[in-house]
C-alpha atoms as a PDB file:
ATOM      1  CA  MET A   1      79.955-214.553  56.862  1.00  0.00           C
ATOM      2  CA  PHE A   2      83.150-216.705  56.904  1.00  0.00           C
ATOM      3  CA  GLU A   3      84.319-217.619  53.363  1.00  0.00           C
ATOM      4  CA  GLN A   4      84.583-221.395  52.403  1.00  0.00           C
ATOM      5  CA  PRO A   5      88.005-222.406  52.030  1.00  0.00           C
ATOM      6  CA  VAL A   6      89.577-222.647  48.422  1.00  0.00           C
ATOM      7  CA  VAL A   7      92.194-225.355  47.091  1.00  0.00           C
ATOM      8  CA  ASP A   8      94.706-223.747  44.379  1.00  0.00           C
ATOM      9  CA  ASN A   9      94.673-225.945  41.455  1.00  0.00           C
ATOM     10  CA  ARG A  10      98.449-226.559  41.913  1.00  0.00           C
ATOM     11  CA  ILE A  11      97.857-228.872  44.848  1.00  0.00           C
ATOM     12  CA  GLN A  12      96.630-231.499  42.392  1.00  0.00           C
ATOM     13  CA  THR A  13     100.007-232.097  41.152  1.00  0.00           C
ATOM     14  CA  ILE A  14     101.590-232.386  44.815  1.00  0.00           C
ATOM     15  CA  ALA A  15      98.793-234.350  46.244  1.00  0.00           C
ATOM     16  CA  PRO A  16      96.472-235.770  43.468  1.00  0.00           C
ATOM     17  CA  GLY A  17      94.545-237.760  46.146  1.00  0.00           C
ATOM     18  CA  PHE A  18      93.992-234.890  48.482  1.00  0.00           C
ATOM     19  CA  ARG A  19      90.485-234.481  49.918  1.00  0.00           C
ATOM     20  CA  ALA A  20      89.291-232.880  53.264  1.00  0.00           C
ATOM     21  CA  MET A  21      86.362-231.927  55.561  1.00  0.00           C
ATOM     22  CA  SER A  22      85.884-228.340  56.255  1.00  0.00           C
ATOM     23  CA  ILE A  23      83.733-227.688  59.229  1.00  0.00           C
ATOM     24  CA  LEU A  24      82.543-224.217  60.370  1.00  0.00           C
ATOM     25  CA  VAL A  25      81.039-223.608  63.987  1.00  0.00           C
ATOM     26  CA  ASP A  26      79.297-220.660  64.999  1.00  0.00           C
ATOM     27  CA  ALA A  27      78.992-220.759  68.577  1.00  0.00           C
ATOM     28  CA  THR A  28      78.067-217.509  69.343  1.00  0.00           C
ATOM     29  CA  HIS A  29      74.762-218.126  71.015  1.00  0.00           C
ATOM     30  CA  ALA A  30      75.853-221.795  71.951  1.00  0.00           C
ATOM     31  CA  GLY A  31      75.214-222.957  75.649  1.00  0.00           C
ATOM     32  CA  LYS A  32      77.989-224.700  77.843  1.00  0.00           C
ATOM     33  CA  GLY A  33      77.883-228.392  77.498  1.00  0.00           C
ATOM     34  CA  GLU A  34      80.111-231.094  78.977  1.00  0.00           C
ATOM     35  CA  ALA A  35      83.307-232.431  78.135  1.00  0.00           C
ATOM     36  CA  ILE A  36      83.459-235.902  76.907  1.00  0.00           C
ATOM     37  CA  GLN A  37      85.328-237.930  79.445  1.00  0.00           C
ATOM     38  CA  GLU A  38      88.491-240.035  78.654  1.00  0.00           C
ATOM     39  CA  ILE A  39      88.104-239.462  74.929  1.00  0.00           C
ATOM     40  CA  LEU A  40      91.584-238.466  74.696  1.00  0.00           C
ATOM     41  CA  GLU A  41      92.944-241.106  76.750  1.00  0.00           C
ATOM     42  CA  SER A  42      90.946-243.725  74.629  1.00  0.00           C
ATOM     43  CA  ALA A  43      92.294-242.346  71.232  1.00  0.00           C
ATOM     44  CA  CYS A  44      95.899-242.539  72.973  1.00  0.00           C
ATOM     45  CA  GLU A  45      95.695-245.780  73.346  1.00  0.00           C
ATOM     46  CA  PHE A  46      93.818-246.674  70.215  1.00  0.00           C
ATOM     47  CA  ALA A  47      96.903-245.446  68.492  1.00  0.00           C
ATOM     48  CA  SER A  48      99.670-246.873  70.686  1.00  0.00           C
ATOM     49  CA  ASN A  49      98.155-250.229  69.827  1.00  0.00           C
ATOM     50  CA  GLY A  50      98.689-249.235  66.204  1.00  0.00           C
ATOM     51  CA  GLY A  51      95.146-248.308  65.046  1.00  0.00           C
ATOM     52  CA  PRO A  52      93.617-247.834  62.614  1.00  0.00           C
ATOM     53  CA  ASP A  53      94.658-250.219  59.876  1.00  0.00           C
ATOM     54  CA  TRP A  54      95.661-247.557  57.612  1.00  0.00           C
ATOM     55  CA  ALA A  55      97.549-245.211  59.810  1.00  0.00           C
ATOM     56  CA  GLU A  56     101.321-246.251  58.959  1.00  0.00           C
ATOM     57  CA  ALA A  57     100.200-246.093  55.152  1.00  0.00           C
ATOM     58  CA  HIS A  58      98.557-242.785  55.328  1.00  0.00           C
ATOM     59  CA  MET A  59     101.627-241.307  57.467  1.00  0.00           C
ATOM     60  CA  ALA A  60     103.945-242.589  54.393  1.00  0.00           C
ATOM     61  CA  GLU A  61     101.895-240.733  52.162  1.00  0.00           C
ATOM     62  CA  TRP A  62     102.035-237.692  53.960  1.00  0.00           C
ATOM     63  CA  ALA A  63     105.898-237.910  54.159  1.00  0.00           C
ATOM     64  CA  GLU A  64     105.950-238.434  50.374  1.00  0.00           C
ATOM     65  CA  VAL A  65     103.720-235.364  49.663  1.00  0.00           C
ATOM     66  CA  TYR A  66     105.846-233.229  52.023  1.00  0.00           C
ATOM     67  CA  GLN A  67     109.169-234.441  50.259  1.00  0.00           C
ATOM     68  CA  ARG A  68     107.549-233.116  46.649  1.00  0.00           C
ATOM     69  CA  PHE A  69     107.030-229.625  48.095  1.00  0.00           C
ATOM     70  CA  GLY A  70     110.674-229.630  49.737  1.00  0.00           C
ATOM     71  CA  ALA A  71     110.014-230.202  53.381  1.00  0.00           C
ATOM     72  CA  LYS A  72     111.980-232.765  55.384  1.00  0.00           C
ATOM     73  CA  PRO A  73     109.090-234.915  57.294  1.00  0.00           C
ATOM     74  CA  ASN A  74     111.493-236.275  59.663  1.00  0.00           C
ATOM     75  CA  ARG A  75     112.386-232.891  61.010  1.00  0.00           C
ATOM     76  CA  THR A  76     109.109-231.198  60.318  1.00  0.00           C
ATOM     77  CA  PRO A  77     106.257-233.943  60.133  1.00  0.00           C
ATOM     78  CA  CYS A  78     102.458-233.245  59.373  1.00  0.00           C
ATOM     79  CA  SER A  79     100.441-232.561  62.434  1.00  0.00           C
ATOM     80  CA  ALA A  80      98.971-236.106  62.636  1.00  0.00           C
ATOM     81  CA  GLN A  81     102.480-237.809  62.380  1.00  0.00           C
ATOM     82  CA  ALA A  82     103.888-235.635  65.428  1.00  0.00           C
ATOM     83  CA  LEU A  83     100.882-236.341  67.483  1.00  0.00           C
ATOM     84  CA  ARG A  84     100.818-239.960  66.711  1.00  0.00           C
ATOM     85  CA  LYS A  85     104.898-240.292  67.418  1.00  0.00           C
ATOM     86  CA  ARG A  86     104.339-238.551  70.928  1.00  0.00           C
ATOM     87  CA  ALA A  87     101.238-240.891  71.842  1.00  0.00           C
ATOM     88  CA  MET A  88     103.328-243.833  70.897  1.00  0.00           C
ATOM     89  CA  LYS A  89     106.385-242.965  72.591  1.00  0.00           C
ATOM     90  CA  ASP A  90     104.576-241.361  75.807  1.00  0.00           C
ATOM     91  CA  GLY A  91     101.559-243.561  76.004  1.00  0.00           C
ATOM     92  CA  THR A  92      99.410-240.301  76.249  1.00  0.00           C
ATOM     93  CA  ILE A  93      98.971-236.742  75.404  1.00  0.00           C
ATOM     94  CA  PRO A  94      98.727-234.263  78.207  1.00  0.00           C
ATOM     95  CA  SER A  95      94.949-232.958  78.432  1.00  0.00           C
ATOM     96  CA  ILE A  96      94.936-228.909  77.414  1.00  0.00           C
ATOM     97  CA  ASN A  97      91.269-228.294  77.225  1.00  0.00           C
ATOM     98  CA  PRO A  98      88.075-229.932  76.291  1.00  0.00           C
ATOM     99  CA  LEU A  99      88.087-228.563  72.640  1.00  0.00           C
ATOM    100  CA  VAL A 100      91.610-229.084  71.757  1.00  0.00           C
ATOM    101  CA  ASP A 101      91.520-232.500  73.541  1.00  0.00           C
ATOM    102  CA  LEU A 102      88.432-233.534  71.198  1.00  0.00           C
ATOM    103  CA  TYR A 103      90.379-232.523  67.963  1.00  0.00           C
ATOM    104  CA  ASN A 104      93.597-234.404  68.987  1.00  0.00           C
ATOM    105  CA  ALA A 105      91.560-237.233  69.733  1.00  0.00           C
ATOM    106  CA  VAL A 106      89.842-237.453  66.412  1.00  0.00           C
ATOM    107  CA  SER A 107      93.470-237.187  64.708  1.00  0.00           C
ATOM    108  CA  LEU A 108      94.735-239.649  66.729  1.00  0.00           C
ATOM    109  CA  ARG A 109      91.865-242.056  66.247  1.00  0.00           C
ATOM    110  CA  TYR A 110      91.821-241.493  62.492  1.00  0.00           C
ATOM    111  CA  ALA A 111      95.507-240.890  61.857  1.00  0.00           C
ATOM    112  CA  VAL A 112      94.191-237.498  59.961  1.00  0.00           C
ATOM    113  CA  PRO A 113      95.642-234.097  60.390  1.00  0.00           C
ATOM    114  CA  VAL A 114      93.202-231.964  62.187  1.00  0.00           C
ATOM    115  CA  GLY A 115      93.463-228.147  62.401  1.00  0.00           C
ATOM    116  CA  GLY A 116      91.522-225.607  64.585  1.00  0.00           C
ATOM    117  CA  GLU A 117      91.372-222.145  63.769  1.00  0.00           C
ATOM    118  CA  ASN A 118      89.719-218.794  64.973  1.00  0.00           C
ATOM    119  CA  ALA A 119      87.410-217.970  62.035  1.00  0.00           C
ATOM    120  CA  ASP A 120      86.982-214.424  63.353  1.00  0.00           C
ATOM    121  CA  ALA A 121      90.486-213.648  62.933  1.00  0.00           C
ATOM    122  CA  TYR A 122      90.454-214.435  59.382  1.00  0.00           C
ATOM    123  CA  ALA A 123      90.834-211.887  56.598  1.00  0.00           C
ATOM    124  CA  GLY A 124      88.922-213.294  53.520  1.00  0.00           C
ATOM    125  CA  ARG A 125      88.862-216.983  52.723  1.00  0.00           C
ATOM    126  CA  PRO A 126      91.309-219.643  53.693  1.00  0.00           C
ATOM    127  CA  LEU A 127      93.259-220.916  50.794  1.00  0.00           C
ATOM    128  CA  LEU A 128      95.645-223.916  50.373  1.00  0.00           C
ATOM    129  CA  THR A 129      98.254-222.836  47.845  1.00  0.00           C
ATOM    130  CA  VAL A 130     101.964-222.689  47.188  1.00  0.00           C
ATOM    131  CA  ALA A 131     103.812-219.926  48.690  1.00  0.00           C
ATOM    132  CA  ASP A 132     106.139-217.423  46.764  1.00  0.00           C
ATOM    133  CA  GLY A 133     108.350-217.051  49.806  1.00  0.00           C
ATOM    134  CA  THR A 134     107.181-213.190  50.765  1.00  0.00           C
ATOM    135  CA  GLU A 135     104.098-213.986  52.665  1.00  0.00           C
ATOM    136  CA  ASN A 136     104.191-213.237  56.420  1.00  0.00           C
ATOM    137  CA  PHE A 137     103.827-215.707  59.205  1.00  0.00           C
ATOM    138  CA  ASP A 138     103.200-214.550  62.776  1.00  0.00           C
ATOM    139  CA  THR A 139     104.979-217.085  65.223  1.00  0.00           C
ATOM    140  CA  VAL A 140     106.677-216.890  68.651  1.00  0.00           C
ATOM    141  CA  VAL A 141     110.270-218.360  68.980  1.00  0.00           C
ATOM    142  CA  ASN A 142     111.519-218.466  72.399  1.00  0.00           C
ATOM    143  CA  GLY A 143     108.626-216.526  73.630  1.00  0.00           C
ATOM    144  CA  VAL A 144     109.461-213.773  71.434  1.00  0.00           C
ATOM    145  CA  PRO A 145     106.862-213.082  68.671  1.00  0.00           C
ATOM    146  CA  LEU A 146     108.499-213.162  65.322  1.00  0.00           C
ATOM    147  CA  ILE A 147     107.391-212.790  61.674  1.00  0.00           C
ATOM    148  CA  GLU A 148     109.000-215.555  59.471  1.00  0.00           C
ATOM    149  CA  ASN A 149     108.508-215.986  55.574  1.00  0.00           C
ATOM    150  CA  PRO A 150     107.962-219.536  54.230  1.00  0.00           C
ATOM    151  CA  GLU A 151     110.085-221.021  51.713  1.00  0.00           C
ATOM    152  CA  ALA A 152     109.197-220.408  48.197  1.00  0.00           C
ATOM    153  CA  GLY A 153     107.332-223.518  46.634  1.00  0.00           C
ATOM    154  CA  GLU A 154     106.213-224.476  50.243  1.00  0.00           C
ATOM    155  CA  VAL A 155     102.421-225.716  50.634  1.00  0.00           C
ATOM    156  CA  ILE A 156     100.791-223.160  53.222  1.00  0.00           C
ATOM    157  CA  TRP A 157      97.380-222.269  54.234  1.00  0.00           C
ATOM    158  CA  ARG A 158      96.914-218.369  53.970  1.00  0.00           C
ATOM    159  CA  ASP A 159      94.345-215.611  54.226  1.00  0.00           C
ATOM    160  CA  ASN A 160      94.605-212.133  52.848  1.00  0.00           C
ATOM    161  CA  LEU A 161      96.785-211.163  55.441  1.00  0.00           C
ATOM    162  CA  GLY A 162      99.285-213.784  55.436  1.00  0.00           C
ATOM    163  CA  VAL A 163     100.110-217.293  56.253  1.00  0.00           C
ATOM    164  CA  THR A 164      98.155-219.011  58.576  1.00  0.00           C
ATOM    165  CA  CYS A 165      99.693-222.546  58.651  1.00  0.00           C
ATOM    166  CA  ARG A 166     103.161-223.419  57.425  1.00  0.00           C
ATOM    167  CA  ARG A 167     104.245-226.512  55.723  1.00  0.00           C
ATOM    168  CA  TRP A 168     100.758-227.596  54.911  1.00  0.00           C
ATOM    169  CA  ASN A 169      99.630-228.586  58.603  1.00  0.00           C
ATOM    170  CA  TRP A 170     102.909-228.455  60.469  1.00  0.00           C
ATOM    171  CA  ARG A 171     102.764-225.352  62.480  1.00  0.00           C
ATOM    172  CA  GLN A 172      99.811-222.773  62.824  1.00  0.00           C
ATOM    173  CA  GLY A 173     100.301-219.153  63.154  1.00  0.00           C
ATOM    174  CA  THR A 174      99.280-217.056  66.327  1.00  0.00           C
ATOM    175  CA  ARG A 175      97.297-214.678  64.463  1.00  0.00           C
ATOM    176  CA  THR A 176      94.393-217.133  63.995  1.00  0.00           C
ATOM    177  CA  ARG A 177      95.161-219.524  66.621  1.00  0.00           C
ATOM    178  CA  LEU A 178      91.988-220.973  68.425  1.00  0.00           C
ATOM    179  CA  GLU A 179      92.389-220.124  71.854  1.00  0.00           C
ATOM    180  CA  SER A 180      88.714-220.559  73.219  1.00  0.00           C
ATOM    181  CA  ALA A 181      85.711-222.391  72.451  1.00  0.00           C
ATOM    182  CA  SER A 182      83.338-219.506  71.426  1.00  0.00           C
ATOM    183  CA  GLY A 183      82.478-217.140  68.701  1.00  0.00           C
ATOM    184  CA  ARG A 184      83.174-218.962  65.043  1.00  0.00           C
ATOM    185  CA  MET A 185      85.607-221.469  64.852  1.00  0.00           C
ATOM    186  CA  TRP A 186      86.947-223.301  61.539  1.00  0.00           C
ATOM    187  CA  PHE A 187      88.147-227.015  61.736  1.00  0.00           C
ATOM    188  CA  VAL A 188      89.608-228.726  58.843  1.00  0.00           C
ATOM    189  CA  LEU A 189      90.564-232.807  58.537  1.00  0.00           C
ATOM    190  CA  GLU A 190      92.920-233.601  55.789  1.00  0.00           C
ATOM    191  CA  SER A 191      93.625-236.880  54.041  1.00  0.00           C
ATOM    192  CA  LEU A 192      95.077-238.537  51.180  1.00  0.00           C
ATOM    193  CA  ASN A 193      94.385-241.765  49.200  1.00  0.00           C
ATOM    194  CA  ALA A 194      95.525-243.824  51.998  1.00  0.00           C
ATOM    195  CA  MET A 195      92.857-243.109  54.233  1.00  0.00           C
ATOM    196  CA  PRO A 196      89.271-244.731  53.106  1.00  0.00           C
ATOM    197  CA  ILE A 197      86.772-241.978  52.279  1.00  0.00           C
ATOM    198  CA  ASN A 198      84.303-243.309  54.662  1.00  0.00           C
ATOM    199  CA  ALA A 199      86.880-242.905  57.546  1.00  0.00           C
ATOM    200  CA  LEU A 200      87.169-239.278  56.771  1.00  0.00           C
ATOM    201  CA  ASP A 201      83.489-239.067  56.999  1.00  0.00           C
ATOM    202  CA  GLU A 202      83.532-240.708  60.492  1.00  0.00           C
ATOM    203  CA  ALA A 203      86.299-238.622  61.528  1.00  0.00           C
ATOM    204  CA  ALA A 204      84.422-235.534  60.842  1.00  0.00           C
ATOM    205  CA  SER A 205      81.197-236.728  62.289  1.00  0.00           C
ATOM    206  CA  MET A 206      83.112-237.856  65.610  1.00  0.00           C
ATOM    207  CA  LEU A 207      84.296-234.343  65.755  1.00  0.00           C
ATOM    208  CA  ILE A 208      80.707-232.599  64.785  1.00  0.00           C
ATOM    209  CA  ASP A 209      79.190-234.938  67.563  1.00  0.00           C
ATOM    210  CA  GLY A 210      81.906-233.944  70.123  1.00  0.00           C
ATOM    211  CA  LEU A 211      81.419-230.154  69.224  1.00  0.00           C
ATOM    212  CA  ALA A 212      77.551-230.354  69.411  1.00  0.00           C
ATOM    213  CA  GLN A 213      78.054-231.832  72.983  1.00  0.00           C
ATOM    214  CA  LEU A 214      80.661-229.324  74.272  1.00  0.00           C
ATOM    215  CA  LEU A 215      78.814-226.154  72.651  1.00  0.00           C
ATOM    216  CA  PRO A 216      74.947-227.037  72.666  1.00  0.00           C
ATOM    217  CA  GLY A 217      72.951-224.883  70.135  1.00  0.00           C
ATOM    218  CA  SER A 218      75.861-224.165  67.834  1.00  0.00           C
ATOM    219  CA  ASP A 219      75.458-223.749  64.093  1.00  0.00           C
ATOM    220  CA  ILE A 220      77.626-226.398  62.372  1.00  0.00           C
ATOM    221  CA  THR A 221      78.201-226.631  58.650  1.00  0.00           C
ATOM    222  CA  SER A 222      80.483-229.253  57.043  1.00  0.00           C
ATOM    223  CA  THR A 223      82.076-228.909  53.650  1.00  0.00           C
ATOM    224  CA  ARG A 224      83.927-231.608  51.570  1.00  0.00           C
ATOM    225  CA  LEU A 225      87.134-230.305  49.676  1.00  0.00           C
ATOM    226  CA  SER A 226      89.393-231.922  47.221  1.00  0.00           C
ATOM    227  CA  THR A 227      91.731-230.836  44.424  1.00  0.00           C
ATOM    228  CA  SER A 228      89.458-232.478  41.582  1.00  0.00           C
ATOM    229  CA  VAL A 229      85.915-231.506  42.753  1.00  0.00           C
ATOM    230  CA  GLY A 230      83.878-228.386  43.798  1.00  0.00           C
ATOM    231  CA  CYS A 231      82.775-228.178  47.518  1.00  0.00           C
ATOM    232  CA  GLN A 232      79.790-229.713  48.527  1.00  0.00           C
ATOM    233  CA  GLU A 233      78.123-228.055  51.583  1.00  0.00           C
ATOM    234  CA  GLU A 234      75.751-229.649  54.156  1.00  0.00           C
ATOM    235  CA  LYS A 235      74.356-227.711  57.227  1.00  0.00           C
ATOM    236  CA  LEU A 236      74.058-230.085  60.117  1.00  0.00           C
ATOM    237  CA  LEU A 237      73.103-228.395  63.110  1.00  0.00           C
END
C-alpha cells in the first residue's frame, strides 16, 4: 500500500496557510481512455488573459514563502509560477503527453503547483519537511546523472531514500519521476491562503475527472493535507 503523505510540524511556521490535496491513483487494471482535447491550449489562454482572479496574489504568497526558507523565487520559482510565466510569455505550453498536459492544465487554470510522481518508486511515505542538507537528490545536469544535496533549512519533499522534490515544488528528482500513465501514481496540489479553499477543491476535481477519463477503471483516492489538521481521506472511484 502507498502510505499517505505527512507534513512536518515545522512547515506551519514557514507557511501557516498551507493546505493541499493528495490524490493517489491505482491504474494497474485501468483501461485506455481518451485524451481531453484542447485542455492545455484552453488553460494557457485562460492564464494568459490573467485568470484566475487570485493568481497574482497566490504567486506572490508563494514567493514570500520561498524567501522564508532561503530560496530566491526569481531564480527558482514555485512550479506554478514558472509554468504561468512561460504560458504568458509564449502564449502556449508544448504538449508532452495527455497525462502531463492534464496536470499542467490544472496548474495553469487554478494557479496552483501540481506535482505528479511514480508512487511505485517511493520508499515509505512522502514527507514534506525541512532539509538538514545531507539528503541525496537524484537529478540530471547537462545530460549527466548527478547526486545533489539540498541546502540546510530548505523545504523538501522526501521519502526514506532521499529528496523527491527540491525547494518545495521547484524541481522533481529523477528516481520518482512519473514517466507513464500506468501503475500507481501520486499527485499533489499545493495551495496557500490567497487561493480560495473551494478553488482547491475544484482543481482537484478537474484533475480527478481528467484522470478518470484518461484511465477508466482506476482506483482514485483523495486526501486533504494541511499544517493544522489531520488527513481526511475520501475514496472517489
